[in-house]
Amino acid sequence: MFSEPPGWVSLRVNRLFWLPLVLLIMPLLALSDELQPFYIELVEAPQGTFTLDFKTAPGQDNQTATLMSPCTTISNNQRDALGMPRQPTRYRCNDLSKALVIQRTADGLSPPALIRFKRLSGQVDLYYLKAGDHQQTLNAIAPNQGSFVQYLTLGFDHILMGYDHLLFVWCLVLLASSLRRVLVMVTGFTVAHSMTLGLAVLGVLRAPIALIEVLIAVSVLLLAVELAKGPRPTLTHQYPILVSSFFGLLHGLGFAAALTQIGLPSTDVVWALLAFNVGVEMGQVGFVLILLAFGAVIKQVAKVDPAWFSVGRKGLIYAVGVVAGYWAVDRLLSWIG
């Protein structure tokens, strides 16, 4: 009776092992647009009054935010036919010795939320709601922490929630054939996105945010295509720092879009900008170190069964390419629609 060689059996089993992993990763990555932060802004006004407004990303129209007791509503939030805010909700809080509580509601999965609390003095405090949480208590009298720590945390959290940015860095690490090339490519990416981040936030450089989001998705897709085709004498493989730097300029504009939506404290613009960028770099460096450690383990596994490693690697690359392509088309349709 005919029987398959053991190698074919092993390869078939390993393909079956990688298939569910790829199928699990794809929908998780596809959720990234749904998990973009929900922005809530609370502004203190004279005589114990506050205004509350919120900004939703595409697909988050079912979310709202309210200021709970001991505050009462003076006037409700008003929006136009397209859902854009015309007037924020106004509240009166008679007893500021009590903590302020913001409640947010959402149908289905609640994404992370960023609360920006601007005091009468001009002090800006930032608070975070993790995905799935619905209440946040604010200190009505004293700030929760200094601006540097706030924006450092914001930068760190932003890179960890920016799955498109992380996927791009992951592709850079895979493209690099040595530790030296990893350092060169990541350094080029860091320097480039730091430049455009600073220029955009300070108002020197302007670009349509929707277009930048499309191009960021395209950058991930292009790197995934390069990885799928394997090493070739192309610009990406021969001059990786040029490619990582060029796309780094785009990603910096993406970071700037998030920071511009939140705003910077009027008294510490440069300091807060520096803190945000340092936070981004801390998150990015930590992610690269995790990738390198994981890569060292996978390299040892690959020696045992190279075919298993090759099939799994290609499966993940194709999954990233499909997700990045979906992002690009979805963001393009949202932009032109």
Protein backbone atom coordinates (compact mmCIF):
# COMPACT_ATOMS: atom_id res chain seq x y z
CA MET A 1 0.00 0.00 0.00
CA PHE A 2 1.25 3.49 -0.85
CA SER A 3 2.22 5.59 2.15
CA GLU A 4 3.31 9.23 2.31
CA PRO A 5 6.89 9.98 3.36
CA PRO A 6 7.19 11.04 7.01
CA GLY A 7 8.25 14.53 5.94
CA TRP A 8 4.99 15.11 4.11
CA VAL A 9 3.00 13.90 7.11
CA SER A 10 4.93 16.24 9.40
CA LEU A 11 4.43 19.19 7.07
CA ARG A 12 0.69 18.52 6.79
CA VAL A 13 0.30 18.31 10.58
CA ASN A 14 2.23 21.54 11.06
CA ARG A 15 0.07 23.32 8.52
CA LEU A 16 -2.99 22.23 10.46
CA PHE A 17 -1.32 23.60 13.62
CA TRP A 18 -0.65 27.04 12.12
CA LEU A 19 -4.03 27.43 10.44
CA PRO A 20 -6.07 28.07 13.62
CA LEU A 21 -3.37 30.45 14.86
CA VAL A 22 -3.61 32.52 11.68
CA LEU A 23 -7.41 32.46 11.84
CA LEU A 24 -7.28 33.70 15.44
CA ILE A 25 -4.81 36.51 14.73
CA MET A 26 -6.66 37.97 11.74
CA PRO A 27 -9.93 38.90 13.48
CA LEU A 28 -8.04 40.19 16.52
CA LEU A 29 -5.98 42.51 14.34
CA ALA A 30 -9.05 43.54 12.38
CA LEU A 31 -10.52 44.89 15.62
CA SER A 32 -7.89 47.63 15.81
CA ASP A 33 -10.03 50.27 14.13
CA GLU A 34 -12.86 49.41 16.52
CA LEU A 35 -10.53 49.90 19.50
CA GLN A 36 -9.33 53.39 18.64
CA PRO A 37 -9.62 55.55 21.79
CA PHE A 38 -12.89 57.28 22.58
CA TYR A 39 -12.05 60.91 23.50
CA ILE A 40 -13.94 62.64 26.30
CA GLU A 41 -13.29 66.29 27.18
CA LEU A 42 -14.44 67.92 30.42
CA VAL A 43 -13.85 71.66 30.80
CA GLU A 44 -14.31 73.54 34.07
CA ALA A 45 -16.08 76.88 33.85
CA PRO A 46 -16.76 79.59 36.49
CA GLN A 47 -19.31 79.18 39.30
CA GLY A 48 -19.11 75.40 39.56
CA THR A 49 -20.16 74.69 35.98
CA PHE A 50 -18.59 72.21 33.56
CA THR A 51 -18.99 71.38 29.87
CA LEU A 52 -18.60 67.83 28.59
CA ASP A 53 -18.11 66.71 25.00
CA PHE A 54 -16.78 63.60 23.29
CA LYS A 55 -15.25 62.62 19.97
CA THR A 56 -15.92 59.27 18.37
CA ALA A 57 -13.88 57.38 15.79
CA PRO A 58 -15.63 55.78 12.77
CA GLY A 59 -17.91 53.00 13.96
CA GLN A 60 -18.24 54.44 17.50
CA ASP A 61 -21.44 56.43 16.96
CA ASN A 62 -23.23 54.35 19.60
CA GLN A 63 -21.13 55.79 22.45
CA THR A 64 -22.00 58.60 24.85
CA ALA A 65 -20.52 60.12 28.00
CA THR A 66 -22.20 61.85 30.96
CA LEU A 67 -21.11 63.55 34.19
CA MET A 68 -22.74 61.82 37.15
CA SER A 69 -23.91 63.03 40.60
CA PRO A 70 -23.30 65.42 42.39
CA CYS A 71 -23.69 67.33 39.12
CA THR A 72 -26.96 68.22 37.38
CA THR A 73 -27.56 68.92 33.71
CA ILE A 74 -28.09 72.54 32.64
CA SER A 75 -28.30 71.95 28.87
CA ASN A 76 -27.96 68.80 26.79
CA ASN A 77 -25.46 68.00 24.09
CA GLN A 78 -26.65 69.05 20.65
CA ARG A 79 -25.43 67.56 17.36
CA ASP A 80 -26.22 68.25 13.72
CA ALA A 81 -27.69 65.84 11.14
CA LEU A 82 -24.26 64.26 10.57
CA GLY A 83 -23.72 63.66 14.27
CA MET A 84 -21.11 66.41 14.66
CA PRO A 85 -21.19 68.35 17.96
CA ARG A 86 -22.68 71.84 17.92
CA GLN A 87 -22.90 72.41 21.66
CA PRO A 88 -21.44 70.32 24.53
CA THR A 89 -23.52 69.31 27.53
CA ARG A 90 -23.36 71.78 30.43
CA TYR A 91 -23.47 70.73 34.09
CA ARG A 92 -23.62 72.48 37.45
CA CYS A 93 -21.75 70.89 40.37
CA ASN A 94 -22.62 72.54 43.68
CA ASP A 95 -20.28 70.52 45.89
CA LEU A 96 -16.74 70.33 44.45
CA SER A 97 -15.48 68.60 47.58
CA LYS A 98 -16.96 65.42 46.14
CA ALA A 99 -15.30 63.49 43.35
CA LEU A 100 -16.53 63.89 39.80
CA VAL A 101 -17.56 60.69 38.02
CA ILE A 102 -17.76 60.29 34.25
CA GLN A 103 -19.96 57.47 32.95
CA ARG A 104 -19.70 56.28 29.36
CA THR A 105 -22.12 53.96 27.59
CA ALA A 106 -21.56 51.84 24.51
CA ASP A 107 -23.29 49.07 22.62
CA GLY A 108 -21.06 46.02 22.31
CA LEU A 109 -17.32 46.24 22.92
CA SER A 110 -16.19 49.42 24.70
CA PRO A 111 -12.83 50.67 23.38
CA PRO A 112 -10.24 52.41 25.55
CA ALA A 113 -11.24 55.97 26.44
CA LEU A 114 -9.06 59.01 27.07
CA ILE A 115 -10.52 61.71 29.33
CA ARG A 116 -9.05 65.20 29.09
CA PHE A 117 -9.98 67.35 32.09
CA LYS A 118 -9.18 71.05 31.62
CA ARG A 119 -9.39 73.04 34.84
CA LEU A 120 -10.28 76.70 35.24
CA SER A 121 -6.60 77.43 35.92
CA GLY A 122 -5.59 75.97 32.55
CA GLN A 123 -4.16 72.79 34.08
CA VAL A 124 -4.90 69.73 31.95
CA ASP A 125 -5.24 66.27 33.54
CA LEU A 126 -5.50 63.03 31.60
CA TYR A 127 -7.32 59.91 32.72
CA TYR A 128 -7.70 56.53 31.06
CA LEU A 129 -10.51 54.04 30.83
CA LYS A 130 -9.45 50.56 29.82
CA ALA A 131 -11.42 48.69 27.18
CA GLY A 132 -14.60 47.43 28.81
CA ASP A 133 -14.57 49.91 31.74
CA HIS A 134 -17.40 52.44 31.95
CA GLN A 135 -16.67 54.77 34.89
CA GLN A 136 -13.81 57.07 35.84
CA THR A 137 -13.51 59.13 39.02
CA LEU A 138 -11.84 62.54 38.67
CA ASN A 139 -10.35 64.66 41.43
CA ALA A 140 -12.25 67.93 41.24
CA ILE A 141 -9.70 69.98 43.18
CA ALA A 142 -6.13 68.70 42.76
CA PRO A 143 -4.44 67.42 39.58
CA ASN A 144 -3.84 63.68 39.43
CA GLN A 145 -0.20 63.89 38.26
CA GLY A 146 2.29 66.15 36.49
CA SER A 147 2.10 66.92 32.77
CA PHE A 148 5.31 65.04 31.95
CA VAL A 149 4.09 61.80 33.53
CA GLN A 150 0.65 62.19 31.93
CA TYR A 151 1.97 62.62 28.41
CA LEU A 152 4.68 60.00 28.91
CA THR A 153 1.94 57.51 29.83
CA LEU A 154 -0.18 58.70 26.93
CA GLY A 155 2.64 58.07 24.44
CA PHE A 156 3.36 54.64 25.88
CA ASP A 157 -0.32 53.64 25.80
CA HIS A 158 -0.79 55.03 22.30
CA ILE A 159 1.93 52.88 20.74
CA LEU A 160 0.60 49.77 22.48
CA MET A 161 -2.92 50.49 21.19
CA GLY A 162 -1.64 51.38 17.71
CA TYR A 163 -1.73 47.92 16.15
CA ASP A 164 -0.89 49.29 12.69
CA HIS A 165 2.28 50.92 14.07
CA LEU A 166 3.24 47.74 15.93
CA LEU A 167 2.69 45.62 12.84
CA PHE A 168 4.93 47.93 10.85
CA VAL A 169 7.70 47.58 13.45
CA TRP A 170 7.17 43.80 13.43
CA CYS A 171 7.65 43.78 9.64
CA LEU A 172 10.84 45.85 10.00
CA VAL A 173 12.27 43.35 12.46
CA LEU A 174 11.42 40.44 10.14
CA LEU A 175 13.05 42.21 7.19
CA ALA A 176 16.27 42.69 9.14
CA SER A 177 18.66 39.77 8.80
CA SER A 178 20.85 40.74 11.74
CA LEU A 179 20.75 42.67 15.02
CA ARG A 180 22.72 45.48 13.40
CA ARG A 181 20.11 45.87 10.65
CA VAL A 182 17.34 45.84 13.28
CA LEU A 183 19.04 48.72 15.09
CA VAL A 184 19.59 50.65 11.85
CA MET A 185 16.01 50.24 10.61
CA VAL A 186 14.36 51.01 13.96
CA THR A 187 16.64 54.03 14.47
CA GLY A 188 15.70 55.41 11.05
CA PHE A 189 12.02 54.89 11.82
CA THR A 190 12.39 56.58 15.22
CA VAL A 191 14.25 59.65 13.96
CA ALA A 192 11.82 60.14 11.07
CA HIS A 193 8.59 59.84 13.04
CA SER A 194 10.00 62.07 15.80
CA MET A 195 10.64 64.82 13.23
CA THR A 196 7.16 64.81 11.69
CA LEU A 197 5.51 64.38 15.09
CA GLY A 198 7.15 67.55 16.38
CA LEU A 199 6.59 69.58 13.19
CA ALA A 200 2.93 68.57 12.91
CA VAL A 201 2.04 69.18 16.56
CA LEU A 202 3.74 72.59 16.51
CA GLY A 203 1.76 73.54 13.40
CA VAL A 204 4.70 73.71 10.97
CA LEU A 205 3.53 70.70 8.95
CA ARG A 206 -0.05 69.88 8.04
CA ALA A 207 -1.56 66.86 6.30
CA PRO A 208 -5.05 65.36 5.94
CA ILE A 209 -5.36 62.85 8.77
CA ALA A 210 -7.64 60.47 6.85
CA LEU A 211 -5.09 60.22 4.04
CA ILE A 212 -2.26 59.58 6.49
CA GLU A 213 -4.22 56.73 8.07
CA VAL A 214 -4.70 55.16 4.63
CA LEU A 215 -0.98 55.48 3.83
CA ILE A 216 0.02 53.95 7.17
CA ALA A 217 -2.08 50.88 6.36
CA VAL A 218 -0.51 50.78 2.89
CA SER A 219 2.98 50.92 4.44
CA VAL A 220 2.23 47.77 6.46
CA LEU A 221 0.82 46.08 3.36
CA LEU A 222 3.89 46.89 1.26
CA LEU A 223 6.27 45.49 3.87
CA ALA A 224 4.13 42.35 4.15
CA VAL A 225 4.39 41.91 0.36
CA GLU A 226 8.18 42.29 0.54
CA LEU A 227 8.35 39.67 3.27
CA ALA A 228 6.12 37.26 1.35
CA LYS A 229 8.31 37.48 -1.76
CA GLY A 230 11.47 36.81 0.21
CA PRO A 231 14.98 38.37 -0.06
CA ARG A 232 15.52 40.08 -3.42
CA PRO A 233 17.74 42.90 -4.72
CA THR A 234 15.11 45.55 -4.08
CA LEU A 235 15.34 48.96 -2.43
CA THR A 236 13.70 47.61 0.73
CA HIS A 237 16.27 44.84 1.19
CA GLN A 238 19.34 46.77 0.01
CA TYR A 239 18.65 50.09 1.76
CA PRO A 240 16.34 49.30 4.70
CA ILE A 241 17.06 52.52 6.57
CA LEU A 242 15.73 54.60 3.65
CA VAL A 243 12.48 52.65 3.59
CA SER A 244 11.99 52.66 7.37
CA SER A 245 12.78 56.40 7.50
CA PHE A 246 10.40 57.26 4.66
CA PHE A 247 7.50 55.39 6.20
CA GLY A 248 8.51 56.71 9.61
CA LEU A 249 7.61 60.20 8.36
CA LEU A 250 4.05 58.98 7.72
CA HIS A 251 3.75 57.23 11.08
CA GLY A 252 4.93 60.39 12.85
CA LEU A 253 2.01 62.26 11.31
CA GLY A 254 -0.27 59.52 12.63
CA PHE A 255 1.13 59.98 16.15
CA ALA A 256 0.63 63.73 15.77
CA ALA A 257 -3.02 63.25 14.83
CA ALA A 258 -3.71 61.51 18.13
CA LEU A 259 -1.80 64.09 20.14
CA THR A 260 -3.48 67.01 18.35
CA GLN A 261 -6.94 65.61 19.13
CA ILE A 262 -6.04 65.48 22.81
CA GLY A 263 -4.25 68.81 22.91
CA LEU A 264 -1.17 70.05 24.75
CA PRO A 265 -1.03 72.11 27.95
CA SER A 266 -0.57 75.76 27.02
CA THR A 267 2.21 76.24 29.56
CA ASP A 268 4.25 73.09 28.78
CA VAL A 269 3.91 72.45 25.04
CA VAL A 270 7.51 71.39 24.35
CA TRP A 271 7.81 69.47 27.62
CA ALA A 272 4.58 67.52 26.99
CA LEU A 273 5.57 66.86 23.36
CA LEU A 274 8.92 65.47 24.51
CA ALA A 275 7.22 63.30 27.14
CA PHE A 276 4.77 61.91 24.58
CA ASN A 277 7.58 61.03 22.18
CA VAL A 278 9.64 59.40 24.94
CA GLY A 279 6.60 57.35 25.91
CA VAL A 280 6.16 56.21 22.31
CA GLU A 281 9.84 55.20 22.15
CA MET A 282 9.63 53.31 25.44
CA GLY A 283 6.70 51.30 24.13
CA GLN A 284 8.40 50.72 20.79
CA VAL A 285 11.73 49.63 22.30
CA GLY A 286 9.93 47.27 24.68
CA PHE A 287 8.01 45.76 21.76
CA VAL A 288 11.23 45.26 19.74
CA LEU A 289 12.95 43.58 22.70
CA ILE A 290 10.01 41.20 23.09
CA LEU A 291 10.16 40.41 19.38
CA LEU A 292 13.91 39.72 19.53
CA ALA A 293 13.51 37.44 22.54
CA PHE A 294 10.64 35.60 20.90
CA GLY A 295 12.65 35.38 17.68
CA ALA A 296 15.55 33.74 19.50
CA VAL A 297 13.20 31.04 20.81
CA ILE A 298 11.61 30.51 17.39
CA LYS A 299 15.07 30.23 15.81
CA GLN A 300 15.85 27.27 18.04
CA VAL A 301 12.50 25.66 17.21
CA ALA A 302 13.14 26.19 13.49
CA LYS A 303 16.30 24.07 13.71
CA VAL A 304 14.19 21.11 14.78
CA ASP A 305 11.70 21.40 11.90
CA PRO A 306 12.56 24.04 9.23
CA ALA A 307 9.45 23.17 7.17
CA TRP A 308 7.18 23.88 10.16
CA PHE A 309 8.87 27.24 10.70
CA SER A 310 8.61 28.22 7.02
CA VAL A 311 4.91 27.41 6.77
CA GLY A 312 4.09 29.22 10.00
CA ARG A 313 6.11 32.30 9.06
CA LYS A 314 4.42 32.62 5.68
CA GLY A 315 1.01 32.10 7.23
CA LEU A 316 1.54 34.98 9.65
CA ILE A 317 2.91 37.25 6.92
CA TYR A 318 -0.10 36.55 4.69
CA ALA A 319 -2.42 37.21 7.63
CA VAL A 320 -0.76 40.59 8.25
CA GLY A 321 -1.00 41.42 4.55
CA VAL A 322 -4.72 40.61 4.43
CA VAL A 323 -5.45 42.67 7.54
CA ALA A 324 -3.36 45.64 6.30
CA GLY A 325 -5.14 45.48 2.94
CA TYR A 326 -8.50 45.48 4.71
CA TRP A 327 -7.45 48.52 6.76
CA ALA A 328 -6.30 50.37 3.64
CA VAL A 329 -9.56 49.77 1.75
CA ASP A 330 -11.75 50.47 4.79
CA ARG A 331 -9.96 53.72 5.62
CA LEU A 332 -9.98 54.81 1.97
CA LEU A 333 -13.72 54.26 1.69
CA SER A 334 -14.28 56.15 4.97
CA TRP A 335 -12.16 59.04 3.67
CA ILE A 336 -13.79 59.40 0.26
CA GLY A 337 -17.27 58.61 1.60
